[in-house]
């Protein structure tokens, strides 16, 4: 439901190329940054992906992406 709520806000975007970029960010936020409301665990950890992202999870994900 969270992603569906956010997509409704994209209707006012002036450029079509920016919507997929924003959607990718929302998916990353959901899967790697925020803990699930029911389980209290980040979904990637439930899937068995162990990342030591530390306190600033967004910054660490960006740094990990730039290492390759």
C-alpha atoms as a PDB file:
ATOM      1  CA  UNK A   1       0.000   0.000   0.000  1.00  0.00           C
ATOM      2  CA  UNK A   2       2.874   2.346   0.717  1.00  0.00           C
ATOM      3  CA  UNK A   3       4.201   2.132  -2.852  1.00  0.00           C
ATOM      4  CA  UNK A   4       0.701   2.547  -4.277  1.00  0.00           C
ATOM      5  CA  UNK A   5       0.251   5.711  -2.222  1.00  0.00           C
ATOM      6  CA  UNK A   6       3.555   7.106  -3.473  1.00  0.00           C
ATOM      7  CA  UNK A   7       2.818   6.337  -7.141  1.00  0.00           C
ATOM      8  CA  UNK A   8      -0.291   8.525  -6.976  1.00  0.00           C
ATOM      9  CA  UNK A   9       2.004  11.490  -6.297  1.00  0.00           C
ATOM     10  CA  UNK A  10       3.906  10.851  -9.542  1.00  0.00           C
ATOM     11  CA  UNK A  11       1.011  11.956 -11.722  1.00  0.00           C
ATOM     12  CA  UNK A  12       2.203  15.552 -11.537  1.00  0.00           C
ATOM     13  CA  UNK A  13       5.730  14.842 -12.798  1.00  0.00           C
ATOM     14  CA  UNK A  14       6.710  16.941 -15.783  1.00  0.00           C
ATOM     15  CA  UNK A  15       9.166  14.414 -17.272  1.00  0.00           C
ATOM     16  CA  UNK A  16       8.431  10.743 -17.821  1.00  0.00           C
ATOM     17  CA  UNK A  17      12.083   9.728 -17.401  1.00  0.00           C
ATOM     18  CA  UNK A  18      12.086  10.711 -13.713  1.00  0.00           C
ATOM     19  CA  UNK A  19       9.244   8.403 -12.595  1.00  0.00           C
ATOM     20  CA  UNK A  20      11.222   5.115 -12.946  1.00  0.00           C
ATOM     21  CA  UNK A  21      14.152   6.648 -11.066  1.00  0.00           C
ATOM     22  CA  UNK A  22      11.895   7.694  -8.207  1.00  0.00           C
ATOM     23  CA  UNK A  23      10.209   4.271  -8.174  1.00  0.00           C
ATOM     24  CA  UNK A  24      13.600   2.562  -7.909  1.00  0.00           C
ATOM     25  CA  UNK A  25      14.368   4.765  -4.897  1.00  0.00           C
ATOM     26  CA  UNK A  26      11.083   3.874  -3.244  1.00  0.00           C
ATOM     27  CA  UNK A  27      11.720   0.157  -3.784  1.00  0.00           C
ATOM     28  CA  UNK A  28      15.216   0.509  -2.268  1.00  0.00           C
ATOM     29  CA  UNK A  29      13.742   2.410   0.673  1.00  0.00           C
ATOM     30  CA  UNK A  30      11.218  -0.372   1.249  1.00  0.00           C
ATOM     31  CA  UNK A  31      13.617  -3.308   0.843  1.00  0.00           C
ATOM     32  CA  UNK A  32      16.846  -2.018   2.412  1.00  0.00           C
ATOM     33  CA  UNK A  33      16.157   1.017   4.614  1.00  0.00           C
ATOM     34  CA  UNK A  34      12.885   0.779   6.529  1.00  0.00           C
ATOM     35  CA  UNK A  35      11.933  -1.973   8.922  1.00  0.00           C
ATOM     36  CA  UNK A  36       8.681  -3.767   8.134  1.00  0.00           C
ATOM     37  CA  UNK A  37       5.830  -2.550  10.306  1.00  0.00           C
ATOM     38  CA  UNK A  38       4.694  -6.046  11.310  1.00  0.00           C
ATOM     39  CA  UNK A  39       7.969  -7.921  11.743  1.00  0.00           C
ATOM     40  CA  UNK A  40      10.156  -4.988  12.758  1.00  0.00           C
ATOM     41  CA  UNK A  41      12.917  -6.302  10.457  1.00  0.00           C
ATOM     42  CA  UNK A  42      14.192  -4.881   7.172  1.00  0.00           C
ATOM     43  CA  UNK A  43      12.846  -7.087   4.311  1.00  0.00           C
ATOM     44  CA  UNK A  44      16.309  -7.776   2.853  1.00  0.00           C
ATOM     45  CA  UNK A  45      17.366  -9.294   6.177  1.00  0.00           C
ATOM     46  CA  UNK A  46      14.298 -11.540   6.173  1.00  0.00           C
ATOM     47  CA  UNK A  47      15.391 -12.711   2.709  1.00  0.00           C
ATOM     48  CA  UNK A  48      18.796 -13.661   4.082  1.00  0.00           C
ATOM     49  CA  UNK A  49      20.779 -10.726   2.682  1.00  0.00           C
ATOM     50  CA  UNK A  50      23.176  -9.557   5.372  1.00  0.00           C
ATOM     51  CA  UNK A  51      24.465  -6.032   4.793  1.00  0.00           C
ATOM     52  CA  UNK A  52      26.241  -4.078   7.489  1.00  0.00           C
ATOM     53  CA  UNK A  53      24.772  -0.714   6.526  1.00  0.00           C
ATOM     54  CA  UNK A  54      25.236   0.966   9.888  1.00  0.00           C
ATOM     55  CA  UNK A  55      23.409   4.067  11.061  1.00  0.00           C
ATOM     56  CA  UNK A  56      23.087   5.946   7.745  1.00  0.00           C
ATOM     57  CA  UNK A  57      21.724   3.185   5.526  1.00  0.00           C
ATOM     58  CA  UNK A  58      21.195   5.361   2.424  1.00  0.00           C
ATOM     59  CA  UNK A  59      24.759   6.662   2.464  1.00  0.00           C
ATOM     60  CA  UNK A  60      26.199   3.174   2.894  1.00  0.00           C
ATOM     61  CA  UNK A  61      24.102   1.824  -0.008  1.00  0.00           C
ATOM     62  CA  UNK A  62      25.369   4.649  -2.221  1.00  0.00           C
ATOM     63  CA  UNK A  63      28.970   3.967  -1.223  1.00  0.00           C
ATOM     64  CA  UNK A  64      28.526   0.234  -1.887  1.00  0.00           C
ATOM     65  CA  UNK A  65      27.060   0.984  -5.336  1.00  0.00           C
ATOM     66  CA  UNK A  66      30.015   3.239  -6.210  1.00  0.00           C
ATOM     67  CA  UNK A  67      32.611   0.611  -5.282  1.00  0.00           C
ATOM     68  CA  UNK A  68      31.913  -1.447  -8.410  1.00  0.00           C
END
